[in-house]
Amino acid sequence: DPTFRRLEIKDVGPTILVDTVGFIRHLPHKLVDAFRAT
């Protein structure tokens, strides 16, 4: 599941960092389609 956190970075200000699901060789297309929202 994706995770969001707010970061303060110098010279940029507030940013959002997102941790996402890892990819893998020949990831099934059904999974790519199902996780389109993520």
Full PDB file with SEQRES, HELIX, SHEET, SSBOND, CRYST1, ORIGX, SCALE, CONECT and MASTER records, all heavy atoms in Angstrom:
SEQRES   1 A   38  ASP PRO THR PHE ARG ARG LEU GLU ILE LYS ASP VAL GLY          
SEQRES   2 A   38  PRO THR ILE LEU VAL ASP THR VAL GLY PHE ILE ARG HIS          
SEQRES   3 A   38  LEU PRO HIS LYS LEU VAL ASP ALA PHE ARG ALA THR              
HELIX    1 AA1 HIS A   29  ALA A   34  1                                   6    
SHEET    1 AA1 2 THR A   3  ILE A   9  0                                        
SHEET    2 AA1 2 GLY A  13  ASP A  19 -1                                        
CRYST1    1.000    1.000    1.000  90.00  90.00  90.00 P 1           1          
ORIGX1      1.000000  0.000000  0.000000        0.00000                         
ORIGX2      0.000000  1.000000  0.000000        0.00000                         
ORIGX3      0.000000  0.000000  1.000000        0.00000                         
SCALE1      1.000000  0.000000  0.000000        0.00000                         
SCALE2      0.000000  1.000000  0.000000        0.00000                         
SCALE3      0.000000  0.000000  1.000000        0.00000                         
ATOM      1  N   ASP A   1       0.827  -1.197   0.000  1.00  0.00           N  
ATOM      2  CA  ASP A   1       0.000   0.000   0.000  1.00  0.00           C  
ATOM      3  C   ASP A   1       0.871   1.259   0.000  1.00  0.00           C  
ATOM      4  O   ASP A   1       1.882   1.312   0.684  1.00  0.00           O  
ATOM      5  CB  ASP A   1      -0.918   0.007   1.228  1.00  0.00           C  
ATOM      6  CG  ASP A   1      -1.804  -1.227   1.287  1.00  0.00           C  
ATOM      7  OD1 ASP A   1      -2.566  -1.439   0.330  1.00  0.00           O  
ATOM      8  OD2 ASP A   1      -1.708  -1.983   2.264  1.00  0.00           O  
ATOM      9  N   PRO A   2       0.485   2.290  -0.752  1.00  0.00           N  
ATOM     10  CA  PRO A   2       1.273   3.526  -0.783  1.00  0.00           C  
ATOM     11  C   PRO A   2       1.177   4.277   0.539  1.00  0.00           C  
ATOM     12  O   PRO A   2       0.147   4.263   1.201  1.00  0.00           O  
ATOM     13  CB  PRO A   2       0.642   4.331  -1.927  1.00  0.00           C  
ATOM     14  CG  PRO A   2      -0.769   3.837  -1.995  1.00  0.00           C  
ATOM     15  CD  PRO A   2      -0.718   2.377  -1.598  1.00  0.00           C  
ATOM     16  N   THR A   3       2.279   4.919   0.917  1.00  0.00           N  
ATOM     17  CA  THR A   3       2.344   5.692   2.150  1.00  0.00           C  
ATOM     18  C   THR A   3       2.806   7.105   1.826  1.00  0.00           C  
ATOM     19  O   THR A   3       3.748   7.291   1.052  1.00  0.00           O  
ATOM     20  CB  THR A   3       3.317   5.046   3.154  1.00  0.00           C  
ATOM     21  OG1 THR A   3       2.977   3.670   3.322  1.00  0.00           O  
ATOM     22  CG2 THR A   3       3.245   5.740   4.493  1.00  0.00           C  
ATOM     23  N   PHE A   4       2.143   8.113   2.404  1.00  0.00           N  
ATOM     24  CA  PHE A   4       2.446   9.512   2.155  1.00  0.00           C  
ATOM     25  C   PHE A   4       3.007  10.153   3.425  1.00  0.00           C  
ATOM     26  O   PHE A   4       2.519   9.892   4.529  1.00  0.00           O  
ATOM     27  CB  PHE A   4       1.192  10.294   1.721  1.00  0.00           C  
ATOM     28  CG  PHE A   4       0.567   9.808   0.436  1.00  0.00           C  
ATOM     29  CD1 PHE A   4      -0.214   8.666   0.414  1.00  0.00           C  
ATOM     30  CD2 PHE A   4       0.759  10.497  -0.748  1.00  0.00           C  
ATOM     31  CE1 PHE A   4      -0.794   8.217  -0.749  1.00  0.00           C  
ATOM     32  CE2 PHE A   4       0.181  10.060  -1.922  1.00  0.00           C  
ATOM     33  CZ  PHE A   4      -0.594   8.919  -1.924  1.00  0.00           C  
ATOM     34  N   ARG A   5       4.020  10.987   3.268  1.00  0.00           N  
ATOM     35  CA  ARG A   5       4.565  11.774   4.380  1.00  0.00           C  
ATOM     36  C   ARG A   5       4.929  13.165   3.871  1.00  0.00           C  
ATOM     37  O   ARG A   5       5.402  13.321   2.752  1.00  0.00           O  
ATOM     38  CB  ARG A   5       5.795  11.108   5.003  1.00  0.00           C  
ATOM     39  CG  ARG A   5       5.519   9.849   5.780  1.00  0.00           C  
ATOM     40  CD  ARG A   5       4.737  10.104   7.063  1.00  0.00           C  
ATOM     41  NE  ARG A   5       4.588   8.901   7.855  1.00  0.00           N  
ATOM     42  CZ  ARG A   5       3.647   8.020   7.691  1.00  0.00           C  
ATOM     43  NH1 ARG A   5       2.748   8.184   6.719  1.00  0.00           N  
ATOM     44  NH2 ARG A   5       3.562   6.945   8.473  1.00  0.00           N  
ATOM     45  N   ARG A   6       4.732  14.149   4.728  1.00  0.00           N  
ATOM     46  CA  ARG A   6       5.081  15.526   4.400  1.00  0.00           C  
ATOM     47  C   ARG A   6       6.522  15.800   4.820  1.00  0.00           C  
ATOM     48  O   ARG A   6       6.938  15.431   5.906  1.00  0.00           O  
ATOM     49  CB  ARG A   6       4.125  16.496   5.099  1.00  0.00           C  
ATOM     50  CG  ARG A   6       4.295  17.973   4.703  1.00  0.00           C  
ATOM     51  CD  ARG A   6       3.321  18.828   5.504  1.00  0.00           C  
ATOM     52  NE  ARG A   6       3.449  20.252   5.218  1.00  0.00           N  
ATOM     53  CZ  ARG A   6       2.766  20.897   4.311  1.00  0.00           C  
ATOM     54  NH1 ARG A   6       1.870  20.237   3.578  1.00  0.00           N  
ATOM     55  NH2 ARG A   6       2.938  22.206   4.109  1.00  0.00           N  
ATOM     56  N   LEU A   7       7.284  16.423   3.929  1.00  0.00           N  
ATOM     57  CA  LEU A   7       8.682  16.743   4.182  1.00  0.00           C  
ATOM     58  C   LEU A   7       8.919  18.234   4.007  1.00  0.00           C  
ATOM     59  O   LEU A   7       8.283  18.875   3.178  1.00  0.00           O  
ATOM     60  CB  LEU A   7       9.601  15.996   3.209  1.00  0.00           C  
ATOM     61  CG  LEU A   7      10.033  14.584   3.501  1.00  0.00           C  
ATOM     62  CD1 LEU A   7      10.938  14.091   2.431  1.00  0.00           C  
ATOM     63  CD2 LEU A   7      10.708  14.448   4.790  1.00  0.00           C  
ATOM     64  N   GLU A   8       9.853  18.773   4.776  1.00  0.00           N  
ATOM     65  CA  GLU A   8      10.340  20.133   4.580  1.00  0.00           C  
ATOM     66  C   GLU A   8      11.761  20.051   4.031  1.00  0.00           C  
ATOM     67  O   GLU A   8      12.660  19.553   4.708  1.00  0.00           O  
ATOM     68  CB  GLU A   8      10.311  20.931   5.887  1.00  0.00           C  
ATOM     69  CG  GLU A   8       8.924  21.331   6.358  1.00  0.00           C  
ATOM     70  CD  GLU A   8       8.316  22.450   5.514  1.00  0.00           C  
ATOM     71  OE1 GLU A   8       9.085  23.184   4.855  1.00  0.00           O  
ATOM     72  OE2 GLU A   8       7.068  22.578   5.521  1.00  0.00           O  
ATOM     73  N   ILE A   9      11.951  20.533   2.818  1.00  0.00           N  
ATOM     74  CA  ILE A   9      13.263  20.483   2.184  1.00  0.00           C  
ATOM     75  C   ILE A   9      13.759  21.899   1.935  1.00  0.00           C  
ATOM     76  O   ILE A   9      13.018  22.742   1.415  1.00  0.00           O  
ATOM     77  CB  ILE A   9      13.209  19.692   0.856  1.00  0.00           C  
ATOM     78  CG1 ILE A   9      12.837  18.233   1.142  1.00  0.00           C  
ATOM     79  CG2 ILE A   9      14.539  19.752   0.119  1.00  0.00           C  
ATOM     80  CD1 ILE A   9      12.748  17.363  -0.091  1.00  0.00           C  
ATOM     81  N   LYS A  10      14.985  22.151   2.304  1.00  0.00           N  
ATOM     82  CA  LYS A  10      15.576  23.478   2.155  1.00  0.00           C  
ATOM     83  C   LYS A  10      15.528  23.935   0.696  1.00  0.00           C  
ATOM     84  O   LYS A  10      15.808  23.153  -0.218  1.00  0.00           O  
ATOM     85  CB  LYS A  10      17.021  23.457   2.649  1.00  0.00           C  
ATOM     86  CG  LYS A  10      17.682  24.826   2.685  1.00  0.00           C  
ATOM     87  CD  LYS A  10      19.096  24.738   3.230  1.00  0.00           C  
ATOM     88  CE  LYS A  10      19.745  26.112   3.266  1.00  0.00           C  
ATOM     89  NZ  LYS A  10      21.131  26.062   3.778  1.00  0.00           N  
ATOM     90  N   ASP A  11      15.179  25.171   0.498  1.00  0.00           N  
ATOM     91  CA  ASP A  11      15.069  25.821  -0.808  1.00  0.00           C  
ATOM     92  C   ASP A  11      13.895  25.319  -1.640  1.00  0.00           C  
ATOM     93  O   ASP A  11      13.698  25.756  -2.766  1.00  0.00           O  
ATOM     94  CB  ASP A  11      16.358  25.689  -1.627  1.00  0.00           C  
ATOM     95  CG  ASP A  11      17.546  26.365  -0.963  1.00  0.00           C  
ATOM     96  OD1 ASP A  11      17.322  27.306  -0.171  1.00  0.00           O  
ATOM     97  OD2 ASP A  11      18.691  25.958  -1.229  1.00  0.00           O  
ATOM     98  N   VAL A  12      13.136  24.381  -1.115  1.00  0.00           N  
ATOM     99  CA  VAL A  12      11.960  23.866  -1.815  1.00  0.00           C  
ATOM    100  C   VAL A  12      10.695  24.114  -1.013  1.00  0.00           C  
ATOM    101  O   VAL A  12       9.667  24.508  -1.542  1.00  0.00           O  
ATOM    102  CB  VAL A  12      12.097  22.356  -2.117  1.00  0.00           C  
ATOM    103  CG1 VAL A  12      10.844  21.845  -2.824  1.00  0.00           C  
ATOM    104  CG2 VAL A  12      13.323  22.089  -2.974  1.00  0.00           C  
ATOM    105  N   GLY A  13      10.780  23.901   0.320  1.00  0.00           N  
ATOM    106  CA  GLY A  13       9.615  24.040   1.183  1.00  0.00           C  
ATOM    107  C   GLY A  13       8.916  22.719   1.400  1.00  0.00           C  
ATOM    108  O   GLY A  13       9.536  21.651   1.308  1.00  0.00           O  
ATOM    109  N   PRO A  14       7.612  22.733   1.668  1.00  0.00           N  
ATOM    110  CA  PRO A  14       6.891  21.490   1.912  1.00  0.00           C  
ATOM    111  C   PRO A  14       6.791  20.623   0.659  1.00  0.00           C  
ATOM    112  O   PRO A  14       6.526  21.117  -0.432  1.00  0.00           O  
ATOM    113  CB  PRO A  14       5.502  21.970   2.370  1.00  0.00           C  
ATOM    114  CG  PRO A  14       5.360  23.344   1.816  1.00  0.00           C  
ATOM    115  CD  PRO A  14       6.743  23.929   1.793  1.00  0.00           C  
ATOM    116  N   THR A  15       7.034  19.331   0.824  1.00  0.00           N  
ATOM    117  CA  THR A  15       6.894  18.357  -0.257  1.00  0.00           C  
ATOM    118  C   THR A  15       6.188  17.125   0.288  1.00  0.00           C  
ATOM    119  O   THR A  15       6.116  16.911   1.498  1.00  0.00           O  
ATOM    120  CB  THR A  15       8.264  17.942  -0.834  1.00  0.00           C  
ATOM    121  OG1 THR A  15       9.059  17.369   0.218  1.00  0.00           O  
ATOM    122  CG2 THR A  15       8.999  19.119  -1.439  1.00  0.00           C  
ATOM    123  N   ILE A  16       5.673  16.310  -0.631  1.00  0.00           N  
ATOM    124  CA  ILE A  16       5.030  15.044  -0.266  1.00  0.00           C  
ATOM    125  C   ILE A  16       5.886  13.902  -0.807  1.00  0.00           C  
ATOM    126  O   ILE A  16       6.170  13.836  -2.006  1.00  0.00           O  
ATOM    127  CB  ILE A  16       3.601  14.938  -0.835  1.00  0.00           C  
ATOM    128  CG1 ILE A  16       2.728  16.089  -0.324  1.00  0.00           C  
ATOM    129  CG2 ILE A  16       2.990  13.587  -0.461  1.00  0.00           C  
ATOM    130  CD1 ILE A  16       2.473  16.058   1.157  1.00  0.00           C  
ATOM    131  N   LEU A  17       6.321  12.997   0.090  1.00  0.00           N  
ATOM    132  CA  LEU A  17       7.093  11.817  -0.295  1.00  0.00           C  
ATOM    133  C   LEU A  17       6.167  10.610  -0.281  1.00  0.00           C  
ATOM    134  O   LEU A  17       5.447  10.381   0.692  1.00  0.00           O  
ATOM    135  CB  LEU A  17       8.268  11.597   0.652  1.00  0.00           C  
ATOM    136  CG  LEU A  17       9.239  10.461   0.296  1.00  0.00           C  
ATOM    137  CD1 LEU A  17       9.946  10.731  -1.024  1.00  0.00           C  
ATOM    138  CD2 LEU A  17      10.271  10.260   1.414  1.00  0.00           C  
ATOM    139  N   VAL A  18       6.178   9.829  -1.375  1.00  0.00           N  
ATOM    140  CA  VAL A  18       5.288   8.678  -1.524  1.00  0.00           C  
ATOM    141  C   VAL A  18       6.118   7.405  -1.655  1.00  0.00           C  
ATOM    142  O   VAL A  18       7.008   7.314  -2.504  1.00  0.00           O  
ATOM    143  CB  VAL A  18       4.381   8.825  -2.771  1.00  0.00           C  
ATOM    144  CG1 VAL A  18       3.346   7.702  -2.797  1.00  0.00           C  
ATOM    145  CG2 VAL A  18       3.712  10.184  -2.804  1.00  0.00           C  
ATOM    146  N   ASP A  19       5.823   6.425  -0.813  1.00  0.00           N  
ATOM    147  CA  ASP A  19       6.423   5.093  -0.911  1.00  0.00           C  
ATOM    148  C   ASP A  19       5.440   4.188  -1.640  1.00  0.00           C  
ATOM    149  O   ASP A  19       4.278   4.071  -1.242  1.00  0.00           O  
ATOM    150  CB  ASP A  19       6.725   4.542   0.482  1.00  0.00           C  
ATOM    151  CG  ASP A  19       7.466   3.209   0.435  1.00  0.00           C  
ATOM    152  OD1 ASP A  19       8.076   2.896  -0.605  1.00  0.00           O  
ATOM    153  OD2 ASP A  19       7.432   2.467   1.448  1.00  0.00           O  
ATOM    154  N   THR A  20       5.879   3.532  -2.721  1.00  0.00           N  
ATOM    155  CA  THR A  20       4.978   2.754  -3.562  1.00  0.00           C  
ATOM    156  C   THR A  20       5.377   1.278  -3.583  1.00  0.00           C  
ATOM    157  O   THR A  20       6.431   0.892  -3.090  1.00  0.00           O  
ATOM    158  CB  THR A  20       4.975   3.287  -5.012  1.00  0.00           C  
ATOM    159  OG1 THR A  20       6.308   3.176  -5.561  1.00  0.00           O  
ATOM    160  CG2 THR A  20       4.534   4.743  -5.049  1.00  0.00           C  
ATOM    161  N   VAL A  21       4.511   0.463  -4.207  1.00  0.00           N  
ATOM    162  CA  VAL A  21       4.779  -0.959  -4.356  1.00  0.00           C  
ATOM    163  C   VAL A  21       5.975  -1.162  -5.284  1.00  0.00           C  
ATOM    164  O   VAL A  21       6.183  -0.412  -6.249  1.00  0.00           O  
ATOM    165  CB  VAL A  21       3.529  -1.683  -4.911  1.00  0.00           C  
ATOM    166  CG1 VAL A  21       3.145  -1.150  -6.288  1.00  0.00           C  
ATOM    167  CG2 VAL A  21       3.744  -3.194  -4.973  1.00  0.00           C  
ATOM    168  N   GLY A  22       6.782  -2.168  -4.983  1.00  0.00           N  
ATOM    169  CA  GLY A  22       7.933  -2.467  -5.821  1.00  0.00           C  
ATOM    170  C   GLY A  22       7.535  -3.152  -7.116  1.00  0.00           C  
ATOM    171  O   GLY A  22       6.501  -3.822  -7.201  1.00  0.00           O  
ATOM    172  N   PHE A  23       8.338  -2.972  -8.139  1.00  0.00           N  
ATOM    173  CA  PHE A  23       8.106  -3.627  -9.419  1.00  0.00           C  
ATOM    174  C   PHE A  23       8.898  -4.925  -9.465  1.00  0.00           C  
ATOM    175  O   PHE A  23       9.811  -5.154  -8.680  1.00  0.00           O  
ATOM    176  CB  PHE A  23       8.523  -2.725 -10.583  1.00  0.00           C  
ATOM    177  CG  PHE A  23       7.804  -1.405 -10.608  1.00  0.00           C  
ATOM    178  CD1 PHE A  23       8.389  -0.276 -11.151  1.00  0.00           C  
ATOM    179  CD2 PHE A  23       6.534  -1.286 -10.066  1.00  0.00           C  
ATOM    180  CE1 PHE A  23       7.734   0.947 -11.171  1.00  0.00           C  
ATOM    181  CE2 PHE A  23       5.866  -0.074 -10.078  1.00  0.00           C  
ATOM    182  CZ  PHE A  23       6.470   1.037 -10.629  1.00  0.00           C  
ATOM    183  N   ILE A  24       8.549  -5.769 -10.429  1.00  0.00           N  
ATOM    184  CA  ILE A  24       9.243  -7.035 -10.595  1.00  0.00           C  
ATOM    185  C   ILE A  24       9.238  -7.415 -12.056  1.00  0.00           C  
ATOM    186  O   ILE A  24       8.392  -6.944 -12.832  1.00  0.00           O  
ATOM    187  CB  ILE A  24       8.591  -8.146  -9.726  1.00  0.00           C  
ATOM    188  CG1 ILE A  24       9.528  -9.351  -9.590  1.00  0.00           C  
ATOM    189  CG2 ILE A  24       7.238  -8.574 -10.303  1.00  0.00           C  
ATOM    190  CD1 ILE A  24       9.088 -10.348  -8.537  1.00  0.00           C  
ATOM    191  N   ARG A  25      10.169  -8.278 -12.423  1.00  0.00           N  
ATOM    192  CA  ARG A  25      10.288  -8.724 -13.807  1.00  0.00           C  
ATOM    193  C   ARG A  25       8.983  -9.403 -14.247  1.00  0.00           C  
ATOM    194  O   ARG A  25       8.433 -10.260 -13.571  1.00  0.00           O  
ATOM    195  CB  ARG A  25      11.477  -9.686 -13.937  1.00  0.00           C  
ATOM    196  CG  ARG A  25      11.880 -10.012 -15.353  1.00  0.00           C  
ATOM    197  CD  ARG A  25      13.229 -10.728 -15.361  1.00  0.00           C  
ATOM    198  NE  ARG A  25      14.332  -9.800 -15.091  1.00  0.00           N  
ATOM    199  CZ  ARG A  25      14.955  -9.693 -13.934  1.00  0.00           C  
ATOM    200  NH1 ARG A  25      14.632 -10.488 -12.945  1.00  0.00           N  
ATOM    201  NH2 ARG A  25      15.929  -8.807 -13.758  1.00  0.00           N  
ATOM    202  N   HIS A  26       8.491  -8.983 -15.418  1.00  0.00           N  
ATOM    203  CA  HIS A  26       7.252  -9.528 -15.976  1.00  0.00           C  
ATOM    204  C   HIS A  26       6.090  -9.407 -14.981  1.00  0.00           C  
ATOM    205  O   HIS A  26       5.393 -10.380 -14.689  1.00  0.00           O  
ATOM    206  CB  HIS A  26       7.427 -10.995 -16.388  1.00  0.00           C  
ATOM    207  CG  HIS A  26       8.462 -11.191 -17.462  1.00  0.00           C  
ATOM    208  ND1 HIS A  26       9.163 -12.355 -17.642  1.00  0.00           N  
ATOM    209  CD2 HIS A  26       8.940 -10.343 -18.398  1.00  0.00           C  
ATOM    210  CE1 HIS A  26      10.009 -12.222 -18.646  1.00  0.00           C  
ATOM    211  NE2 HIS A  26       9.886 -11.011 -19.125  1.00  0.00           N  
ATOM    212  N   LEU A  27       5.918  -8.211 -14.415  1.00  0.00           N  
ATOM    213  CA  LEU A  27       4.788  -7.951 -13.518  1.00  0.00           C  
ATOM    214  C   LEU A  27       3.490  -8.201 -14.276  1.00  0.00           C  
ATOM    215  O   LEU A  27       3.288  -7.669 -15.370  1.00  0.00           O  
ATOM    216  CB  LEU A  27       4.828  -6.502 -13.027  1.00  0.00           C  
ATOM    217  CG  LEU A  27       3.814  -6.101 -11.957  1.00  0.00           C  
ATOM    218  CD1 LEU A  27       4.137  -6.763 -10.638  1.00  0.00           C  
ATOM    219  CD2 LEU A  27       3.795  -4.590 -11.769  1.00  0.00           C  
ATOM    220  N   PRO A  28       2.613  -9.059 -13.749  1.00  0.00           N  
ATOM    221  CA  PRO A  28       1.383  -9.388 -14.482  1.00  0.00           C  
ATOM    222  C   PRO A  28       0.567  -8.146 -14.845  1.00  0.00           C  
ATOM    223  O   PRO A  28       0.398  -7.243 -14.031  1.00  0.00           O  
ATOM    224  CB  PRO A  28       0.616 -10.268 -13.478  1.00  0.00           C  
ATOM    225  CG  PRO A  28       1.667 -10.840 -12.575  1.00  0.00           C  
ATOM    226  CD  PRO A  28       2.706  -9.779 -12.460  1.00  0.00           C  
ATOM    227  N   HIS A  29       0.084  -8.126 -16.087  1.00  0.00           N  
ATOM    228  CA  HIS A  29      -0.683  -6.977 -16.546  1.00  0.00           C  
ATOM    229  C   HIS A  29      -1.940  -6.758 -15.709  1.00  0.00           C  
ATOM    230  O   HIS A  29      -2.392  -5.626 -15.539  1.00  0.00           O  
ATOM    231  CB  HIS A  29      -1.055  -7.155 -18.022  1.00  0.00           C  
ATOM    232  CG  HIS A  29       0.118  -6.979 -18.946  1.00  0.00           C  
ATOM    233  ND1 HIS A  29       0.653  -5.740 -19.252  1.00  0.00           N  
ATOM    234  CD2 HIS A  29       0.893  -7.882 -19.593  1.00  0.00           C  
ATOM    235  CE1 HIS A  29       1.687  -5.888 -20.060  1.00  0.00           C  
ATOM    236  NE2 HIS A  29       1.857  -7.172 -20.290  1.00  0.00           N  
ATOM    237  N   LYS A  30      -2.506  -7.877 -15.201  1.00  0.00           N  
ATOM    238  CA  LYS A  30      -3.690  -7.753 -14.351  1.00  0.00           C  
ATOM    239  C   LYS A  30      -3.382  -6.913 -13.120  1.00  0.00           C  
ATOM    240  O   LYS A  30      -4.216  -6.133 -12.661  1.00  0.00           O  
ATOM    241  CB  LYS A  30      -4.204  -9.141 -13.949  1.00  0.00           C  
ATOM    242  CG  LYS A  30      -4.847  -9.945 -15.070  1.00  0.00           C  
ATOM    243  CD  LYS A  30      -5.388 -11.247 -14.535  1.00  0.00           C  
ATOM    244  CE  LYS A  30      -6.134 -12.028 -15.630  1.00  0.00           C  
ATOM    245  NZ  LYS A  30      -5.215 -12.470 -16.664  1.00  0.00           N  
ATOM    246  N   LEU A  31      -2.170  -7.081 -12.580  1.00  0.00           N  
ATOM    247  CA  LEU A  31      -1.788  -6.297 -11.412  1.00  0.00           C  
ATOM    248  C   LEU A  31      -1.556  -4.838 -11.777  1.00  0.00           C  
ATOM    249  O   LEU A  31      -1.932  -3.936 -11.028  1.00  0.00           O  
ATOM    250  CB  LEU A  31      -0.523  -6.883 -10.782  1.00  0.00           C  
ATOM    251  CG  LEU A  31      -0.720  -8.122  -9.923  1.00  0.00           C  
ATOM    252  CD1 LEU A  31       0.609  -8.632  -9.410  1.00  0.00           C  
ATOM    253  CD2 LEU A  31      -1.642  -7.827  -8.761  1.00  0.00           C  
ATOM    254  N   VAL A  32      -0.928  -4.603 -12.924  1.00  0.00           N  
ATOM    255  CA  VAL A  32      -0.704  -3.230 -13.364  1.00  0.00           C  
ATOM    256  C   VAL A  32      -2.038  -2.513 -13.537  1.00  0.00           C  
ATOM    257  O   VAL A  32      -2.216  -1.371 -13.112  1.00  0.00           O  
ATOM    258  CB  VAL A  32       0.108  -3.193 -14.673  1.00  0.00           C  
ATOM    259  CG1 VAL A  32       0.233  -1.760 -15.190  1.00  0.00           C  
ATOM    260  CG2 VAL A  32       1.497  -3.782 -14.459  1.00  0.00           C  
ATOM    261  N   ASP A  33      -3.007  -3.200 -14.138  1.00  0.00           N  
ATOM    262  CA  ASP A  33      -4.327  -2.600 -14.340  1.00  0.00           C  
ATOM    263  C   ASP A  33      -5.055  -2.397 -13.015  1.00  0.00           C  
ATOM    264  O   ASP A  33      -5.671  -1.354 -12.786  1.00  0.00           O  
ATOM    265  CB  ASP A  33      -5.174  -3.485 -15.261  1.00  0.00           C  
ATOM    266  CG  ASP A  33      -4.632  -3.519 -16.683  1.00  0.00           C  
ATOM    267  OD1 ASP A  33      -3.902  -2.575 -17.067  1.00  0.00           O  
ATOM    268  OD2 ASP A  33      -4.902  -4.502 -17.406  1.00  0.00           O  
ATOM    269  N   ALA A  34      -4.982  -3.417 -12.131  1.00  0.00           N  
ATOM    270  CA  ALA A  34      -5.692  -3.323 -10.859  1.00  0.00           C  
ATOM    271  C   ALA A  34      -5.139  -2.214  -9.985  1.00  0.00           C  
ATOM    272  O   ALA A  34      -5.882  -1.540  -9.272  1.00  0.00           O  
ATOM    273  CB  ALA A  34      -5.614  -4.657 -10.117  1.00  0.00           C  
ATOM    274  N   PHE A  35      -3.828  -1.999 -10.036  1.00  0.00           N  
ATOM    275  CA  PHE A  35      -3.191  -0.997  -9.191  1.00  0.00           C  
ATOM    276  C   PHE A  35      -3.019   0.340  -9.910  1.00  0.00           C  
ATOM    277  O   PHE A  35      -2.178   1.152  -9.536  1.00  0.00           O  
ATOM    278  CB  PHE A  35      -1.840  -1.504  -8.676  1.00  0.00           C  
ATOM    279  CG  PHE A  35      -1.965  -2.472  -7.550  1.00  0.00           C  
ATOM    280  CD1 PHE A  35      -2.291  -3.782  -7.793  1.00  0.00           C  
ATOM    281  CD2 PHE A  35      -1.807  -2.073  -6.243  1.00  0.00           C  
ATOM    282  CE1 PHE A  35      -2.416  -4.692  -6.753  1.00  0.00           C  
ATOM    283  CE2 PHE A  35      -1.933  -2.968  -5.200  1.00  0.00           C  
ATOM    284  CZ  PHE A  35      -2.247  -4.280  -5.462  1.00  0.00           C  
ATOM    285  N   ARG A  36      -3.822   0.546 -10.947  1.00  0.00           N  
ATOM    286  CA  ARG A  36      -3.725   1.779 -11.709  1.00  0.00           C  
ATOM    287  C   ARG A  36      -3.939   3.005 -10.826  1.00  0.00           C  
ATOM    288  O   ARG A  36      -3.253   4.013 -10.974  1.00  0.00           O  
ATOM    289  CB  ARG A  36      -4.753   1.762 -12.842  1.00  0.00           C  
ATOM    290  CG  ARG A  36      -4.674   2.915 -13.821  1.00  0.00           C  
ATOM    291  CD  ARG A  36      -3.597   2.807 -14.784  1.00  0.00           C  
ATOM    292  NE  ARG A  36      -3.598   1.600 -15.603  1.00  0.00           N  
ATOM    293  CZ  ARG A  36      -2.662   1.341 -16.493  1.00  0.00           C  
ATOM    294  NH1 ARG A  36      -1.676   2.179 -16.685  1.00  0.00           N  
ATOM    295  NH2 ARG A  36      -2.705   0.229 -17.191  1.00  0.00           N  
ATOM    296  N   ALA A  37      -4.889   2.930  -9.891  1.00  0.00           N  
ATOM    297  CA  ALA A  37      -5.162   4.067  -9.010  1.00  0.00           C  
ATOM    298  C   ALA A  37      -3.962   4.385  -8.137  1.00  0.00           C  
ATOM    299  O   ALA A  37      -3.622   5.552  -7.915  1.00  0.00           O  
ATOM    300  CB  ALA A  37      -6.381   3.780  -8.134  1.00  0.00           C  
ATOM    301  N   THR A  38      -3.297   3.355  -7.640  1.00  0.00           N  
ATOM    302  CA  THR A  38      -2.105   3.560  -6.822  1.00  0.00           C  
ATOM    303  C   THR A  38      -0.939   4.078  -7.650  1.00  0.00           C  
ATOM    304  O   THR A  38      -0.235   5.010  -7.263  1.00  0.00           O  
ATOM    305  CB  THR A  38      -1.708   2.241  -6.138  1.00  0.00           C  
ATOM    306  OG1 THR A  38      -2.787   1.792  -5.331  1.00  0.00           O  
ATOM    307  CG2 THR A  38      -0.476   2.439  -5.278  1.00  0.00           C  
TER     308      THR A  38                                                      
MASTER        0    0    0    1    2    0    0    6  307    1    0    3          
END                                                                             
